C-alpha atoms as a PDB file:
ATOM      1  CA  UNK A   1       3.526   1.996  -1.617  1.00  0.00           C
ATOM      2  CA  UNK A   2       7.195   1.608  -2.316  1.00  0.00           C
ATOM      3  CA  UNK A   3       7.524   2.107  -5.965  1.00  0.00           C
ATOM      4  CA  UNK A   4      10.000   0.822  -8.582  1.00  0.00           C
ATOM      5  CA  UNK A   5       9.585   1.314 -12.434  1.00  0.00           C
ATOM      6  CA  UNK A   6       9.518  -1.789 -14.498  1.00  0.00           C
ATOM      7  CA  UNK A   7       9.832  -1.446 -18.265  1.00  0.00           C
ATOM      8  CA  UNK A   8       7.660  -4.035 -19.961  1.00  0.00           C
ATOM      9  CA  UNK A   9       6.968  -5.146 -23.476  1.00  0.00           C
ATOM     10  CA  UNK A  10       6.085  -2.640 -26.232  1.00  0.00           C
ATOM     11  CA  UNK A  11       7.646   0.244 -24.313  1.00  0.00           C
ATOM     12  CA  UNK A  12       5.122   0.120 -21.415  1.00  0.00           C
ATOM     13  CA  UNK A  13       6.076   0.761 -17.708  1.00  0.00           C
ATOM     14  CA  UNK A  14       4.579   0.164 -14.352  1.00  0.00           C
ATOM     15  CA  UNK A  15       5.304   1.569 -10.939  1.00  0.00           C
ATOM     16  CA  UNK A  16       5.480  -1.409  -8.592  1.00  0.00           C
ATOM     17  CA  UNK A  17       6.025  -2.345  -5.065  1.00  0.00           C
ATOM     18  CA  UNK A  18       9.124  -4.594  -4.571  1.00  0.00           C
ATOM     19  CA  UNK A  19       7.289  -7.806  -3.763  1.00  0.00           C
ATOM     20  CA  UNK A  20       4.988  -7.328  -6.700  1.00  0.00           C
ATOM     21  CA  UNK A  21       7.880  -6.378  -8.925  1.00  0.00           C
ATOM     22  CA  UNK A  22       9.613  -9.567  -7.967  1.00  0.00           C
ATOM     23  CA  UNK A  23       6.633 -11.711  -8.598  1.00  0.00           C
ATOM     24  CA  UNK A  24       5.881 -10.185 -11.936  1.00  0.00           C
ATOM     25  CA  UNK A  25       9.349 -10.700 -13.066  1.00  0.00           C
ATOM     26  CA  UNK A  26       9.294 -14.397 -11.759  1.00  0.00           C
ATOM     27  CA  UNK A  27       9.614 -16.667 -14.833  1.00  0.00           C
ATOM     28  CA  UNK A  28       6.915 -19.382 -15.299  1.00  0.00           C
ATOM     29  CA  UNK A  29       9.531 -21.302 -17.180  1.00  0.00           C
ATOM     30  CA  UNK A  30      11.537 -24.232 -15.829  1.00  0.00           C
ATOM     31  CA  UNK A  31      14.671 -23.565 -13.634  1.00  0.00           C
ATOM     32  CA  UNK A  32      17.630 -22.707 -15.822  1.00  0.00           C
ATOM     33  CA  UNK A  33      15.456 -21.468 -18.619  1.00  0.00           C
ATOM     34  CA  UNK A  34      16.219 -17.929 -19.926  1.00  0.00           C
ATOM     35  CA  UNK A  35      13.766 -15.386 -18.706  1.00  0.00           C
ATOM     36  CA  UNK A  36      11.893 -13.426 -21.359  1.00  0.00           C
ATOM     37  CA  UNK A  37      10.150 -10.070 -21.383  1.00  0.00           C
ATOM     38  CA  UNK A  38       6.371 -10.250 -20.747  1.00  0.00           C
ATOM     39  CA  UNK A  39       4.630 -10.609 -24.111  1.00  0.00           C
ATOM     40  CA  UNK A  40       1.045  -9.297 -24.008  1.00  0.00           C
ATOM     41  CA  UNK A  41      -1.723 -10.769 -26.257  1.00  0.00           C
ATOM     42  CA  UNK A  42      -3.685  -8.484 -28.375  1.00  0.00           C
ATOM     43  CA  UNK A  43      -6.395  -8.642 -25.648  1.00  0.00           C
ATOM     44  CA  UNK A  44      -3.941  -8.089 -22.854  1.00  0.00           C
ATOM     45  CA  UNK A  45      -2.024  -5.159 -24.277  1.00  0.00           C
ATOM     46  CA  UNK A  46      -4.766  -2.533 -24.159  1.00  0.00           C
ATOM     47  CA  UNK A  47      -5.335  -3.449 -20.489  1.00  0.00           C
ATOM     48  CA  UNK A  48      -1.662  -3.208 -19.658  1.00  0.00           C
ATOM     49  CA  UNK A  49      -1.536   0.200 -21.394  1.00  0.00           C
ATOM     50  CA  UNK A  50      -4.545   1.486 -19.369  1.00  0.00           C
ATOM     51  CA  UNK A  51      -2.934   0.268 -16.220  1.00  0.00           C
ATOM     52  CA  UNK A  52       0.230   2.219 -17.119  1.00  0.00           C
ATOM     53  CA  UNK A  53      -1.814   5.432 -17.377  1.00  0.00           C
ATOM     54  CA  UNK A  54      -4.184   4.910 -14.502  1.00  0.00           C
ATOM     55  CA  UNK A  55      -2.433   7.466 -12.251  1.00  0.00           C
ATOM     56  CA  UNK A  56      -2.657  10.211 -14.863  1.00  0.00           C
ATOM     57  CA  UNK A  57      -6.578  10.182 -14.603  1.00  0.00           C
ATOM     58  CA  UNK A  58      -8.729  12.175 -12.194  1.00  0.00           C
ATOM     59  CA  UNK A  59      -9.916  10.353  -9.259  1.00  0.00           C
ATOM     60  CA  UNK A  60     -13.476  10.043 -10.645  1.00  0.00           C
ATOM     61  CA  UNK A  61     -12.217   8.781 -13.962  1.00  0.00           C
ATOM     62  CA  UNK A  62      -9.784   6.414 -12.299  1.00  0.00           C
ATOM     63  CA  UNK A  63     -12.565   4.927 -10.244  1.00  0.00           C
ATOM     64  CA  UNK A  64     -14.635   4.281 -13.282  1.00  0.00           C
ATOM     65  CA  UNK A  65     -11.734   2.935 -15.295  1.00  0.00           C
ATOM     66  CA  UNK A  66     -10.764   0.699 -12.345  1.00  0.00           C
ATOM     67  CA  UNK A  67     -14.178  -0.982 -12.435  1.00  0.00           C
ATOM     68  CA  UNK A  68     -13.916  -1.320 -16.229  1.00  0.00           C
ATOM     69  CA  UNK A  69     -10.439  -2.945 -16.135  1.00  0.00           C
ATOM     70  CA  UNK A  70     -11.588  -5.402 -13.337  1.00  0.00           C
ATOM     71  CA  UNK A  71     -14.360  -6.466 -15.630  1.00  0.00           C
ATOM     72  CA  UNK A  72     -12.150  -6.652 -18.711  1.00  0.00           C
ATOM     73  CA  UNK A  73      -9.545  -8.786 -16.907  1.00  0.00           C
ATOM     74  CA  UNK A  74     -12.124 -11.235 -15.850  1.00  0.00           C
ATOM     75  CA  UNK A  75     -13.077 -11.856 -19.506  1.00  0.00           C
ATOM     76  CA  UNK A  76      -9.479 -12.743 -20.402  1.00  0.00           C
ATOM     77  CA  UNK A  77      -8.492 -16.311 -21.233  1.00  0.00           C
ATOM     78  CA  UNK A  78      -6.699 -18.083 -18.481  1.00  0.00           C
ATOM     79  CA  UNK A  79      -2.959 -17.267 -18.773  1.00  0.00           C
ATOM     80  CA  UNK A  80      -0.236 -16.138 -16.296  1.00  0.00           C
ATOM     81  CA  UNK A  81      -0.648 -12.643 -17.781  1.00  0.00           C
ATOM     82  CA  UNK A  82      -4.214 -12.522 -16.719  1.00  0.00           C
ATOM     83  CA  UNK A  83      -3.196 -13.062 -13.102  1.00  0.00           C
ATOM     84  CA  UNK A  84      -0.338 -10.528 -13.580  1.00  0.00           C
ATOM     85  CA  UNK A  85      -2.822  -7.867 -14.576  1.00  0.00           C
ATOM     86  CA  UNK A  86      -5.272  -8.665 -11.789  1.00  0.00           C
ATOM     87  CA  UNK A  87      -2.420  -8.268  -9.190  1.00  0.00           C
ATOM     88  CA  UNK A  88      -1.250  -4.948 -10.716  1.00  0.00           C
ATOM     89  CA  UNK A  89      -4.788  -3.659 -10.690  1.00  0.00           C
ATOM     90  CA  UNK A  90      -5.222  -4.662  -7.099  1.00  0.00           C
ATOM     91  CA  UNK A  91      -1.949  -2.755  -6.223  1.00  0.00           C
ATOM     92  CA  UNK A  92      -3.172   0.434  -7.824  1.00  0.00           C
ATOM     93  CA  UNK A  93      -6.653   0.236  -6.591  1.00  0.00           C
ATOM     94  CA  UNK A  94      -5.903   1.387  -3.037  1.00  0.00           C
ATOM     95  CA  UNK A  95      -4.102   4.531  -3.934  1.00  0.00           C
ATOM     96  CA  UNK A  96      -6.987   6.856  -2.729  1.00  0.00           C
ATOM     97  CA  UNK A  97     -10.731   6.663  -2.414  1.00  0.00           C
ATOM     98  CA  UNK A  98     -12.256   5.091  -5.490  1.00  0.00           C
ATOM     99  CA  UNK A  99     -15.325   3.621  -3.708  1.00  0.00           C
ATOM    100  CA  UNK A 100     -16.175   0.309  -2.254  1.00  0.00           C
ATOM    101  CA  UNK A 101     -17.754  -0.887  -5.571  1.00  0.00           C
ATOM    102  CA  UNK A 102     -14.532  -0.480  -7.447  1.00  0.00           C
ATOM    103  CA  UNK A 103     -12.571  -2.220  -4.742  1.00  0.00           C
ATOM    104  CA  UNK A 104     -15.014  -5.125  -4.607  1.00  0.00           C
ATOM    105  CA  UNK A 105     -14.774  -5.504  -8.474  1.00  0.00           C
ATOM    106  CA  UNK A 106     -10.912  -5.637  -8.134  1.00  0.00           C
ATOM    107  CA  UNK A 107     -11.057  -8.281  -5.286  1.00  0.00           C
ATOM    108  CA  UNK A 108     -13.531 -10.331  -7.170  1.00  0.00           C
ATOM    109  CA  UNK A 109     -11.327 -10.321 -10.223  1.00  0.00           C
ATOM    110  CA  UNK A 110      -8.201 -11.286  -8.284  1.00  0.00           C
ATOM    111  CA  UNK A 111     -10.030 -14.035  -6.441  1.00  0.00           C
ATOM    112  CA  UNK A 112     -11.355 -15.479  -9.602  1.00  0.00           C
ATOM    113  CA  UNK A 113      -7.912 -15.279 -11.286  1.00  0.00           C
ATOM    114  CA  UNK A 114      -6.360 -17.214  -8.345  1.00  0.00           C
ATOM    115  CA  UNK A 115      -9.170 -19.713  -8.385  1.00  0.00           C
ATOM    116  CA  UNK A 116      -8.499 -20.417 -12.123  1.00  0.00           C
ATOM    117  CA  UNK A 117      -4.759 -20.639 -11.731  1.00  0.00           C
ATOM    118  CA  UNK A 118      -3.449 -21.164  -8.149  1.00  0.00           C
ATOM    119  CA  UNK A 119       0.228 -20.505  -7.553  1.00  0.00           C
ATOM    120  CA  UNK A 120       2.638 -22.298  -5.494  1.00  0.00           C
ATOM    121  CA  UNK A 121       5.045 -21.026  -2.834  1.00  0.00           C
ATOM    122  CA  UNK A 122       6.945 -22.322   0.139  1.00  0.00           C
ATOM    123  CA  UNK A 123       4.938 -23.451   3.159  1.00  0.00           C
ATOM    124  CA  UNK A 124       4.129 -20.465   5.471  1.00  0.00           C
ATOM    125  CA  UNK A 125       5.115 -18.053   2.840  1.00  0.00           C
ATOM    126  CA  UNK A 126       1.915 -17.173   0.878  1.00  0.00           C
ATOM    127  CA  UNK A 127       2.466 -15.820  -2.659  1.00  0.00           C
ATOM    128  CA  UNK A 128       2.154 -12.051  -3.479  1.00  0.00           C
ATOM    129  CA  UNK A 129      -1.291 -12.410  -5.152  1.00  0.00           C
ATOM    130  CA  UNK A 130      -2.704 -13.908  -2.069  1.00  0.00           C
ATOM    131  CA  UNK A 131      -1.296 -11.246   0.194  1.00  0.00           C
ATOM    132  CA  UNK A 132      -2.784  -8.627  -2.129  1.00  0.00           C
ATOM    133  CA  UNK A 133      -6.218 -10.230  -1.900  1.00  0.00           C
ATOM    134  CA  UNK A 134      -5.897 -10.676   1.866  1.00  0.00           C
ATOM    135  CA  UNK A 135      -5.011  -7.021   2.440  1.00  0.00           C
ATOM    136  CA  UNK A 136      -8.082  -5.996   0.417  1.00  0.00           C
ATOM    137  CA  UNK A 137     -10.282  -8.107   2.452  1.00  0.00           C
ATOM    138  CA  UNK A 138      -8.771  -7.114   5.860  1.00  0.00           C
ATOM    139  CA  UNK A 139      -8.200  -3.414   5.398  1.00  0.00           C
ATOM    140  CA  UNK A 140     -10.652  -2.397   2.667  1.00  0.00           C
ATOM    141  CA  UNK A 141     -13.321  -4.695   4.097  1.00  0.00           C
ATOM    142  CA  UNK A 142     -14.299  -6.261   0.710  1.00  0.00           C
ATOM    143  CA  UNK A 143     -15.560  -9.756   0.261  1.00  0.00           C
ATOM    144  CA  UNK A 144     -13.615 -12.585  -1.359  1.00  0.00           C
ATOM    145  CA  UNK A 145     -14.392 -16.289  -1.485  1.00  0.00           C
ATOM    146  CA  UNK A 146     -11.340 -18.384  -1.973  1.00  0.00           C
ATOM    147  CA  UNK A 147     -10.896 -21.816  -0.623  1.00  0.00           C
ATOM    148  CA  UNK A 148      -7.116 -21.838  -0.671  1.00  0.00           C
ATOM    149  CA  UNK A 149      -4.568 -22.631   2.030  1.00  0.00           C
ATOM    150  CA  UNK A 150      -2.283 -19.839   0.917  1.00  0.00           C
ATOM    151  CA  UNK A 151      -5.075 -17.278   1.129  1.00  0.00           C
ATOM    152  CA  UNK A 152      -5.717 -18.520   4.713  1.00  0.00           C
ATOM    153  CA  UNK A 153      -1.991 -18.236   5.413  1.00  0.00           C
ATOM    154  CA  UNK A 154      -1.940 -14.589   4.064  1.00  0.00           C
ATOM    155  CA  UNK A 155      -4.803 -13.575   6.335  1.00  0.00           C
ATOM    156  CA  UNK A 156      -3.017 -15.118   9.241  1.00  0.00           C
ATOM    157  CA  UNK A 157       0.172 -13.374   8.411  1.00  0.00           C
ATOM    158  CA  UNK A 158      -1.680 -10.018   8.397  1.00  0.00           C
ATOM    159  CA  UNK A 159      -3.112 -10.739  11.808  1.00  0.00           C
ATOM    160  CA  UNK A 160       0.358 -11.665  13.189  1.00  0.00           C
ATOM    161  CA  UNK A 161       1.802  -8.426  11.626  1.00  0.00           C
ATOM    162  CA  UNK A 162      -0.844  -6.440  13.284  1.00  0.00           C
ATOM    163  CA  UNK A 163      -0.183  -7.972  16.677  1.00  0.00           C
ATOM    164  CA  UNK A 164       3.379  -6.944  16.321  1.00  0.00           C
ATOM    165  CA  UNK A 165       2.410  -3.351  15.411  1.00  0.00           C
ATOM    166  CA  UNK A 166      -0.034  -3.168  18.382  1.00  0.00           C
ATOM    167  CA  UNK A 167       2.871  -3.694  20.796  1.00  0.00           C
ATOM    168  CA  UNK A 168       5.474  -1.853  18.980  1.00  0.00           C
ATOM    169  CA  UNK A 169       7.583   0.806  20.340  1.00  0.00           C
ATOM    170  CA  UNK A 170      10.429   2.890  18.997  1.00  0.00           C
ATOM    171  CA  UNK A 171      12.702   5.934  19.537  1.00  0.00           C
ATOM    172  CA  UNK A 172      13.728   8.173  16.681  1.00  0.00           C
ATOM    173  CA  UNK A 173      14.959  11.646  16.182  1.00  0.00           C
ATOM    174  CA  UNK A 174      13.286  14.342  14.177  1.00  0.00           C
ATOM    175  CA  UNK A 175      14.797  16.858  11.751  1.00  0.00           C
ATOM    176  CA  UNK A 176      15.238  19.416  14.618  1.00  0.00           C
ATOM    177  CA  UNK A 177      17.170  16.888  16.774  1.00  0.00           C
ATOM    178  CA  UNK A 178      14.201  16.122  19.157  1.00  0.00           C
ATOM    179  CA  UNK A 179      13.833  12.557  20.236  1.00  0.00           C
ATOM    180  CA  UNK A 180      10.312  10.906  20.061  1.00  0.00           C
ATOM    181  CA  UNK A 181       9.319   7.582  21.799  1.00  0.00           C
ATOM    182  CA  UNK A 182       5.895   6.235  20.639  1.00  0.00           C
ATOM    183  CA  UNK A 183       5.012   4.758  24.045  1.00  0.00           C
ATOM    184  CA  UNK A 184       5.676   8.085  25.803  1.00  0.00           C
ATOM    185  CA  UNK A 185       2.898   9.621  23.941  1.00  0.00           C
ATOM    186  CA  UNK A 186       0.121   8.043  26.033  1.00  0.00           C
ATOM    187  CA  UNK A 187      -2.896  10.329  26.228  1.00  0.00           C
ATOM    188  CA  UNK A 188      -2.495  11.500  22.669  1.00  0.00           C
ATOM    189  CA  UNK A 189      -3.820  10.296  19.371  1.00  0.00           C
ATOM    190  CA  UNK A 190      -0.736   9.372  17.288  1.00  0.00           C
ATOM    191  CA  UNK A 191      -0.629   8.693  13.456  1.00  0.00           C
ATOM    192  CA  UNK A 192       2.502   7.040  12.312  1.00  0.00           C
ATOM    193  CA  UNK A 193       3.046   7.589   8.598  1.00  0.00           C
ATOM    194  CA  UNK A 194       5.761   5.938   6.558  1.00  0.00           C
ATOM    195  CA  UNK A 195       6.728   7.860   3.420  1.00  0.00           C
ATOM    196  CA  UNK A 196       9.466   8.903   1.061  1.00  0.00           C
ATOM    197  CA  UNK A 197      10.451  11.978  -1.063  1.00  0.00           C
ATOM    198  CA  UNK A 198      10.242   9.893  -4.273  1.00  0.00           C
ATOM    199  CA  UNK A 199       6.860   8.270  -3.678  1.00  0.00           C
ATOM    200  CA  UNK A 200       4.089  10.087  -5.574  1.00  0.00           C
ATOM    201  CA  UNK A 201       1.207   8.766  -3.462  1.00  0.00           C
ATOM    202  CA  UNK A 202       3.061   9.847  -0.307  1.00  0.00           C
ATOM    203  CA  UNK A 203       3.322  13.312  -1.705  1.00  0.00           C
ATOM    204  CA  UNK A 204      -0.277  13.308  -2.632  1.00  0.00           C
ATOM    205  CA  UNK A 205      -1.485  12.722   0.803  1.00  0.00           C
ATOM    206  CA  UNK A 206       1.008  15.063   2.599  1.00  0.00           C
ATOM    207  CA  UNK A 207      -1.096  18.139   2.305  1.00  0.00           C
ATOM    208  CA  UNK A 208      -4.046  16.451   3.827  1.00  0.00           C
ATOM    209  CA  UNK A 209      -1.887  15.184   6.706  1.00  0.00           C
ATOM    210  CA  UNK A 210      -0.692  18.807   7.275  1.00  0.00           C
ATOM    211  CA  UNK A 211      -4.342  20.064   7.288  1.00  0.00           C
ATOM    212  CA  UNK A 212      -5.386  17.484   9.780  1.00  0.00           C
ATOM    213  CA  UNK A 213      -2.429  18.139  11.952  1.00  0.00           C
ATOM    214  CA  UNK A 214      -3.236  21.852  12.151  1.00  0.00           C
ATOM    215  CA  UNK A 215      -6.851  21.113  12.928  1.00  0.00           C
ATOM    216  CA  UNK A 216      -6.423  18.618  15.698  1.00  0.00           C
ATOM    217  CA  UNK A 217      -3.032  19.287  17.253  1.00  0.00           C
ATOM    218  CA  UNK A 218      -4.449  21.311  20.076  1.00  0.00           C
ATOM    219  CA  UNK A 219      -6.611  18.308  20.984  1.00  0.00           C
ATOM    220  CA  UNK A 220      -3.533  16.186  21.538  1.00  0.00           C
ATOM    221  CA  UNK A 221      -3.051  14.853  18.048  1.00  0.00           C
ATOM    222  CA  UNK A 222       0.512  13.915  16.886  1.00  0.00           C
ATOM    223  CA  UNK A 223       1.732  12.896  13.503  1.00  0.00           C
ATOM    224  CA  UNK A 224       5.076  11.058  13.229  1.00  0.00           C
ATOM    225  CA  UNK A 225       6.186  11.023   9.557  1.00  0.00           C
ATOM    226  CA  UNK A 226       8.901   8.356   9.209  1.00  0.00           C
ATOM    227  CA  UNK A 227      11.367   8.379   6.415  1.00  0.00           C
ATOM    228  CA  UNK A 228      14.462   6.011   5.809  1.00  0.00           C
ATOM    229  CA  UNK A 229      16.194   8.579   3.615  1.00  0.00           C
ATOM    230  CA  UNK A 230      19.078  10.758   4.397  1.00  0.00           C
ATOM    231  CA  UNK A 231      18.675  13.972   6.353  1.00  0.00           C
ATOM    232  CA  UNK A 232      20.317  15.960   3.521  1.00  0.00           C
ATOM    233  CA  UNK A 233      17.413  14.907   1.179  1.00  0.00           C
ATOM    234  CA  UNK A 234      14.574  14.978   3.626  1.00  0.00           C
ATOM    235  CA  UNK A 235      15.143  18.303   5.375  1.00  0.00           C
ATOM    236  CA  UNK A 236      14.984  20.609   2.324  1.00  0.00           C
ATOM    237  CA  UNK A 237      12.195  18.581   0.873  1.00  0.00           C
ATOM    238  CA  UNK A 238      10.041  19.102   4.054  1.00  0.00           C
ATOM    239  CA  UNK A 239      11.046  22.778   4.323  1.00  0.00           C
ATOM    240  CA  UNK A 240       9.960  23.417   0.731  1.00  0.00           C
ATOM    241  CA  UNK A 241       6.488  22.117   1.430  1.00  0.00           C
ATOM    242  CA  UNK A 242       6.071  23.809   4.693  1.00  0.00           C
ATOM    243  CA  UNK A 243       5.272  20.488   6.636  1.00  0.00           C
ATOM    244  CA  UNK A 244       5.046  21.379  10.396  1.00  0.00           C
ATOM    245  CA  UNK A 245       4.365  17.901  11.919  1.00  0.00           C
ATOM    246  CA  UNK A 246       7.442  16.002  13.164  1.00  0.00           C
ATOM    247  CA  UNK A 247       9.317  14.046  10.477  1.00  0.00           C
ATOM    248  CA  UNK A 248      11.558  11.335  12.063  1.00  0.00           C
ATOM    249  CA  UNK A 249      14.587   9.629  10.445  1.00  0.00           C
ATOM    250  CA  UNK A 250      14.983   5.805  10.269  1.00  0.00           C
ATOM    251  CA  UNK A 251      18.107   5.601   8.226  1.00  0.00           C
ATOM    252  CA  UNK A 252      18.667   2.002   9.432  1.00  0.00           C
ATOM    253  CA  UNK A 253      15.164   0.958   8.699  1.00  0.00           C
ATOM    254  CA  UNK A 254      14.736  -0.646  12.065  1.00  0.00           C
ATOM    255  CA  UNK A 255      11.300   0.893  12.580  1.00  0.00           C
ATOM    256  CA  UNK A 256      10.273   0.056   9.045  1.00  0.00           C
ATOM    257  CA  UNK A 257      11.232  -3.533   9.800  1.00  0.00           C
ATOM    258  CA  UNK A 258       9.406  -3.370  13.088  1.00  0.00           C
ATOM    259  CA  UNK A 259       6.238  -2.465  11.299  1.00  0.00           C
ATOM    260  CA  UNK A 260       6.817  -4.937   8.538  1.00  0.00           C
ATOM    261  CA  UNK A 261       6.810  -2.024   5.884  1.00  0.00           C
ATOM    262  CA  UNK A 262       7.143  -3.481   2.426  1.00  0.00           C
ATOM    263  CA  UNK A 263       5.391  -0.621   0.657  1.00  0.00           C
ATOM    264  CA  UNK A 264       4.666   3.083   1.300  1.00  0.00           C
ATOM    265  CA  UNK A 265       2.619   5.173   2.184  1.00  0.00           C
ATOM    266  CA  UNK A 266       1.332   3.291   5.132  1.00  0.00           C
ATOM    267  CA  UNK A 267      -0.281   4.837   8.144  1.00  0.00           C
ATOM    268  CA  UNK A 268      -1.240   3.585  11.637  1.00  0.00           C
ATOM    269  CA  UNK A 269      -3.394   5.314  14.185  1.00  0.00           C
ATOM    270  CA  UNK A 270      -3.058   4.806  17.975  1.00  0.00           C
ATOM    271  CA  UNK A 271      -5.738   6.054  20.298  1.00  0.00           C
ATOM    272  CA  UNK A 272      -5.030   7.777  23.605  1.00  0.00           C
ATOM    273  CA  UNK A 273      -4.553   4.546  25.485  1.00  0.00           C
ATOM    274  CA  UNK A 274      -2.045   3.330  22.887  1.00  0.00           C
ATOM    275  CA  UNK A 275      -4.241   0.882  21.125  1.00  0.00           C
ATOM    276  CA  UNK A 276      -3.839   0.470  17.339  1.00  0.00           C
ATOM    277  CA  UNK A 277      -7.361   1.332  16.149  1.00  0.00           C
ATOM    278  CA  UNK A 278      -6.841   1.981  12.386  1.00  0.00           C
ATOM    279  CA  UNK A 279      -4.378   1.523   9.569  1.00  0.00           C
ATOM    280  CA  UNK A 280      -4.066   2.015   5.865  1.00  0.00           C
ATOM    281  CA  UNK A 281      -2.201   0.083   3.354  1.00  0.00           C
ATOM    282  CA  UNK A 282      -1.669   2.822   0.882  1.00  0.00           C
ATOM    283  CA  UNK A 283      -2.478   6.421   0.194  1.00  0.00           C
ATOM    284  CA  UNK A 284      -5.562   7.937   1.970  1.00  0.00           C
ATOM    285  CA  UNK A 285      -7.573  11.052   1.171  1.00  0.00           C
ATOM    286  CA  UNK A 286      -8.746  13.700   3.617  1.00  0.00           C
ATOM    287  CA  UNK A 287     -11.978  11.924   4.181  1.00  0.00           C
ATOM    288  CA  UNK A 288     -10.404   8.555   4.729  1.00  0.00           C
ATOM    289  CA  UNK A 289      -7.867   9.889   7.166  1.00  0.00           C
ATOM    290  CA  UNK A 290     -10.897  11.659   9.030  1.00  0.00           C
ATOM    291  CA  UNK A 291     -12.512   8.143   9.340  1.00  0.00           C
ATOM    292  CA  UNK A 292      -9.322   6.634  10.679  1.00  0.00           C
ATOM    293  CA  UNK A 293      -9.006   9.395  13.304  1.00  0.00           C
ATOM    294  CA  UNK A 294     -12.630   9.013  14.196  1.00  0.00           C
ATOM    295  CA  UNK A 295     -11.857   5.509  15.415  1.00  0.00           C
ATOM    296  CA  UNK A 296      -9.420   7.131  17.914  1.00  0.00           C
ATOM    297  CA  UNK A 297     -12.159   9.556  19.084  1.00  0.00           C
ATOM    298  CA  UNK A 298     -11.121  12.634  17.073  1.00  0.00           C
ATOM    299  CA  UNK A 299     -13.918  14.419  15.166  1.00  0.00           C
END
């Protein structure tokens, strides 16, 4: 997902998506009051530190720690920080393949935190924590019980976004100057991948994408990697990593906006008839990409 670094209390830092960053920075104090740095309690600080270092762990250790953190957050007293930590854990939990059990623990923790302290937002604009939970339910297929209108609105928004993506079309030019139009690729399986050079999860999944492209390209498989960065940054970056699938430039972010991309990496798979059959809200592993392609008939 799109990452921005936020320095928090006691020298800690998190890498966050812009919507989550904005929400975490939102002050719980009355309008006009001076915003203060987040102050963690003695119970919260170790959890915040563990979240900060989660990406440095191996995938196996990260899955185990994710489950432990979900349980630890549930045991915290009810405070705004508890919900902050639950949201941040949810954001990090989808960066790879940490297992269904870990994701279910994360979703349960976030749902419980929202049940304990519902947040308010404008009508029709569900708050970030509700969107995070809805994405886990819809795309990671976990269970969450939350009787809240904002959660229902978040699920409805996801459905509406997917409907737009289903009928989406675009034309962009790749690094070699060739033009690509999504709807001209009928008869092929197409994976649209939004990424950036500065996004660690994007770079982690890139070798798997290249491997799958080499494996399936003769079966009519196309990857369209989409970056909103300048060609002078993207072209040498791609050349250095020997990426051979088409990389398209979306400098005006029109296609990002069309697909409602608020965080990267994100991937969308269209089958040979042009139907959107699979999508991911974050980094995927080789195995997870294979599962997505299987829904389009590639095995």
